[in-house]
Amino acid sequence: MPKRDSVLAALGQNVRRRREARELTQEKLAERADLDPTYISGIERGLRNPGIKNVAKLAKALGFSTAELLKGVDA
């Protein structure tokens, strides 16, 4: 199993926390963001390194700015 990167883990926690606050499933978020549900799962677990376009898609689907979604995600 790949080692989790702290930056990716922090992003994943932000996505999960905001998704759950909106009462969305991973599947519903994936649909709104036009991404695959398994990709969302990988991001939330800190295993995927999404490109900035996908981060922006996630932020928009969650109703946040990209900056808000990345808050606390530092190298």
C-alpha atoms as a PDB file:
ATOM      1  CA  MET A   1       0.000   0.000   0.000  1.00  0.00           C
ATOM      2  CA  PRO A   2       1.413   3.425  -0.954  1.00  0.00           C
ATOM      3  CA  LYS A   3       2.546   5.776   1.825  1.00  0.00           C
ATOM      4  CA  ARG A   4       0.238   8.750   2.350  1.00  0.00           C
ATOM      5  CA  ASP A   5       1.718  12.172   1.696  1.00  0.00           C
ATOM      6  CA  SER A   6       0.795  14.757   4.362  1.00  0.00           C
ATOM      7  CA  VAL A   7      -0.230  17.370   1.773  1.00  0.00           C
ATOM      8  CA  LEU A   8      -2.483  14.912  -0.058  1.00  0.00           C
ATOM      9  CA  ALA A   9      -3.897  13.654   3.250  1.00  0.00           C
ATOM     10  CA  ALA A  10      -4.782  17.225   4.293  1.00  0.00           C
ATOM     11  CA  LEU A  11      -6.508  17.879   0.959  1.00  0.00           C
ATOM     12  CA  GLY A  12      -8.398  14.601   1.284  1.00  0.00           C
ATOM     13  CA  GLN A  13      -9.577  15.510   4.773  1.00  0.00           C
ATOM     14  CA  ASN A  14     -10.786  18.889   3.511  1.00  0.00           C
ATOM     15  CA  VAL A  15     -12.726  17.276   0.670  1.00  0.00           C
ATOM     16  CA  ARG A  16     -14.273  14.631   2.941  1.00  0.00           C
ATOM     17  CA  ARG A  17     -15.191  17.117   5.684  1.00  0.00           C
ATOM     18  CA  ARG A  18     -16.868  19.483   3.235  1.00  0.00           C
ATOM     19  CA  ARG A  19     -18.589  16.664   1.335  1.00  0.00           C
ATOM     20  CA  GLU A  20     -20.027  15.250   4.546  1.00  0.00           C
ATOM     21  CA  ALA A  21     -21.119  18.727   5.708  1.00  0.00           C
ATOM     22  CA  ARG A  22     -23.089  18.989   2.446  1.00  0.00           C
ATOM     23  CA  GLU A  23     -24.488  15.496   3.064  1.00  0.00           C
ATOM     24  CA  LEU A  24     -23.187  14.253  -0.286  1.00  0.00           C
ATOM     25  CA  THR A  25     -22.046  10.749  -1.093  1.00  0.00           C
ATOM     26  CA  GLN A  26     -18.811  10.263  -2.978  1.00  0.00           C
ATOM     27  CA  GLU A  27     -20.919   9.219  -5.948  1.00  0.00           C
ATOM     28  CA  LYS A  28     -23.007  12.400  -5.879  1.00  0.00           C
ATOM     29  CA  LEU A  29     -19.911  14.586  -5.535  1.00  0.00           C
ATOM     30  CA  ALA A  30     -18.279  12.727  -8.420  1.00  0.00           C
ATOM     31  CA  GLU A  31     -21.363  13.337 -10.560  1.00  0.00           C
ATOM     32  CA  ARG A  32     -21.405  17.059  -9.726  1.00  0.00           C
ATOM     33  CA  ALA A  33     -17.674  17.421 -10.391  1.00  0.00           C
ATOM     34  CA  ASP A  34     -17.700  15.213 -13.507  1.00  0.00           C
ATOM     35  CA  LEU A  35     -15.134  12.857 -11.952  1.00  0.00           C
ATOM     36  CA  ASP A  36     -15.088   9.134 -11.217  1.00  0.00           C
ATOM     37  CA  PRO A  37     -16.228   8.044  -7.724  1.00  0.00           C
ATOM     38  CA  THR A  38     -13.104   5.911  -7.276  1.00  0.00           C
ATOM     39  CA  TYR A  39     -11.018   9.018  -7.995  1.00  0.00           C
ATOM     40  CA  ILE A  40     -12.890  10.894  -5.236  1.00  0.00           C
ATOM     41  CA  SER A  41     -12.231   7.995  -2.876  1.00  0.00           C
ATOM     42  CA  GLY A  42      -8.523   8.063  -3.676  1.00  0.00           C
ATOM     43  CA  ILE A  43      -8.347  11.805  -3.069  1.00  0.00           C
ATOM     44  CA  GLU A  44     -10.138  11.528   0.264  1.00  0.00           C
ATOM     45  CA  ARG A  45      -7.775   8.767   1.366  1.00  0.00           C
ATOM     46  CA  GLY A  46      -4.757  10.868   0.393  1.00  0.00           C
ATOM     47  CA  LEU A  47      -3.663   8.412  -2.278  1.00  0.00           C
ATOM     48  CA  ARG A  48      -4.377  10.498  -5.387  1.00  0.00           C
ATOM     49  CA  ASN A  49      -2.625  13.699  -6.428  1.00  0.00           C
ATOM     50  CA  PRO A  50      -5.296  15.644  -8.311  1.00  0.00           C
ATOM     51  CA  GLY A  51      -4.374  18.327 -10.811  1.00  0.00           C
ATOM     52  CA  ILE A  52      -5.445  21.904 -10.171  1.00  0.00           C
ATOM     53  CA  LYS A  53      -8.310  21.641 -12.683  1.00  0.00           C
ATOM     54  CA  ASN A  54      -9.778  18.718 -10.745  1.00  0.00           C
ATOM     55  CA  VAL A  55      -9.292  20.542  -7.440  1.00  0.00           C
ATOM     56  CA  ALA A  56     -11.197  23.476  -8.936  1.00  0.00           C
ATOM     57  CA  LYS A  57     -13.971  21.112 -10.127  1.00  0.00           C
ATOM     58  CA  LEU A  58     -14.251  19.644  -6.631  1.00  0.00           C
ATOM     59  CA  ALA A  59     -14.347  23.069  -5.007  1.00  0.00           C
ATOM     60  CA  LYS A  60     -17.097  24.245  -7.350  1.00  0.00           C
ATOM     61  CA  ALA A  61     -19.120  21.045  -6.843  1.00  0.00           C
ATOM     62  CA  LEU A  62     -18.854  21.538  -3.075  1.00  0.00           C
ATOM     63  CA  GLY A  63     -19.779  25.232  -3.242  1.00  0.00           C
ATOM     64  CA  PHE A  64     -16.391  26.548  -2.098  1.00  0.00           C
ATOM     65  CA  SER A  65     -13.619  28.495  -3.727  1.00  0.00           C
ATOM     66  CA  THR A  66     -10.474  26.589  -4.640  1.00  0.00           C
ATOM     67  CA  ALA A  67      -8.604  28.636  -2.023  1.00  0.00           C
ATOM     68  CA  GLU A  68     -11.084  27.578   0.675  1.00  0.00           C
ATOM     69  CA  LEU A  69     -10.748  23.932  -0.267  1.00  0.00           C
ATOM     70  CA  LEU A  70      -6.962  24.190  -0.066  1.00  0.00           C
ATOM     71  CA  LYS A  71      -6.947  25.988   3.304  1.00  0.00           C
ATOM     72  CA  GLY A  72      -4.479  24.309   5.634  1.00  0.00           C
ATOM     73  CA  VAL A  73      -2.903  22.249   2.857  1.00  0.00           C
ATOM     74  CA  ASP A  74       0.765  23.204   3.144  1.00  0.00           C
ATOM     75  CA  ALA A  75       3.915  21.448   2.000  1.00  0.00           C
END
